[in-house]
Amino acid sequence: MGRGRAKAKQTKVARELKYYSPDTDLSSLERELHGSSSTSLPSTRVAESGTDEDDDYDKWASGRR
C-alpha cells in the first residue's frame, strides 16, 4: 500500500523533466562548438594492450599459476 503517492510523485517529476526547457545561452554554446585556437583539449592516454593485469588473467584462465 502507499504506492499511489509514490507513483504520482514519480509521474509529476517525470513530466516536469520532460517539458522543462531552461534558458540557453546561445552565444556560449556557439563559442564552445566553434572553439578557439588558443584553447587546447587535454590529451588522453590509451592504455597499452599488453598490461600486467592481462597477463595475470591469461595465466589464470589457462590454468597456469
Protein backbone atom coordinates (compact mmCIF):
# COMPACT_ATOMS: atom_id res chain seq x y z
CA MET A 1 0.00 0.00 0.00
CA GLY A 2 1.03 3.58 -0.37
CA ARG A 3 2.21 3.03 -3.94
CA GLY A 4 -0.25 5.61 -5.25
CA ARG A 5 1.51 8.63 -3.78
CA ALA A 6 4.96 7.44 -4.83
CA LYS A 7 3.78 6.76 -8.37
CA ALA A 8 2.03 10.13 -8.56
CA LYS A 9 5.20 11.89 -7.46
CA GLN A 10 7.34 9.98 -9.97
CA THR A 11 4.88 10.88 -12.72
CA LYS A 12 4.95 14.53 -11.70
CA VAL A 13 8.76 14.64 -11.65
CA ALA A 14 9.00 12.84 -15.00
CA ARG A 15 6.54 15.27 -16.56
CA GLU A 16 8.47 18.26 -15.21
CA LEU A 17 11.73 16.90 -16.62
CA LYS A 18 10.16 16.15 -19.98
CA TYR A 19 8.66 19.59 -20.51
CA TYR A 20 11.25 21.75 -18.72
CA SER A 21 13.24 23.93 -21.09
CA PRO A 22 15.94 26.01 -19.39
CA ASP A 23 17.17 29.28 -20.88
CA THR A 24 20.01 28.55 -23.26
CA ASP A 25 22.98 30.86 -23.65
CA LEU A 26 23.38 30.52 -27.40
CA SER A 27 26.50 32.69 -27.62
CA SER A 28 28.24 30.49 -25.07
CA LEU A 29 27.16 27.38 -26.96
CA GLU A 30 28.46 28.85 -30.21
CA ARG A 31 31.86 29.61 -28.61
CA GLU A 32 32.02 26.09 -27.24
CA LEU A 33 31.16 24.46 -30.56
CA HIS A 34 33.49 26.59 -32.67
CA GLY A 35 36.29 26.58 -30.13
CA SER A 36 39.28 28.84 -30.36
CA SER A 37 42.86 28.26 -31.42
CA SER A 38 44.21 29.32 -28.02
CA THR A 39 42.27 26.61 -26.18
CA SER A 40 43.69 23.12 -26.38
CA LEU A 41 41.98 19.96 -25.28
CA PRO A 42 43.74 17.78 -22.72
CA SER A 43 45.36 14.74 -24.24
CA THR A 44 44.08 11.36 -23.22
CA ARG A 45 46.27 8.31 -22.93
CA VAL A 46 45.13 4.97 -24.22
CA ALA A 47 46.07 2.00 -22.06
CA GLU A 48 48.57 -0.39 -23.56
CA SER A 49 47.09 -3.65 -24.73
CA GLY A 50 49.74 -5.82 -23.02
CA THR A 51 49.38 -4.80 -19.40
CA ASP A 52 50.33 -6.92 -16.41
CA GLU A 53 46.68 -7.40 -15.49
CA ASP A 54 46.03 -9.06 -18.85
CA ASP A 55 48.97 -11.39 -18.30
CA ASP A 56 47.68 -12.40 -14.87
CA TYR A 57 44.24 -13.12 -16.30
CA ASP A 58 45.70 -15.15 -19.16
CA LYS A 59 47.64 -17.28 -16.69
CA TRP A 60 44.56 -17.79 -14.53
CA ALA A 61 42.29 -18.56 -17.49
CA SER A 62 44.67 -21.16 -18.89
CA GLY A 63 45.06 -22.85 -15.51
CA ARG A 64 48.71 -21.87 -15.00
CA ARG A 65 49.62 -20.19 -11.73
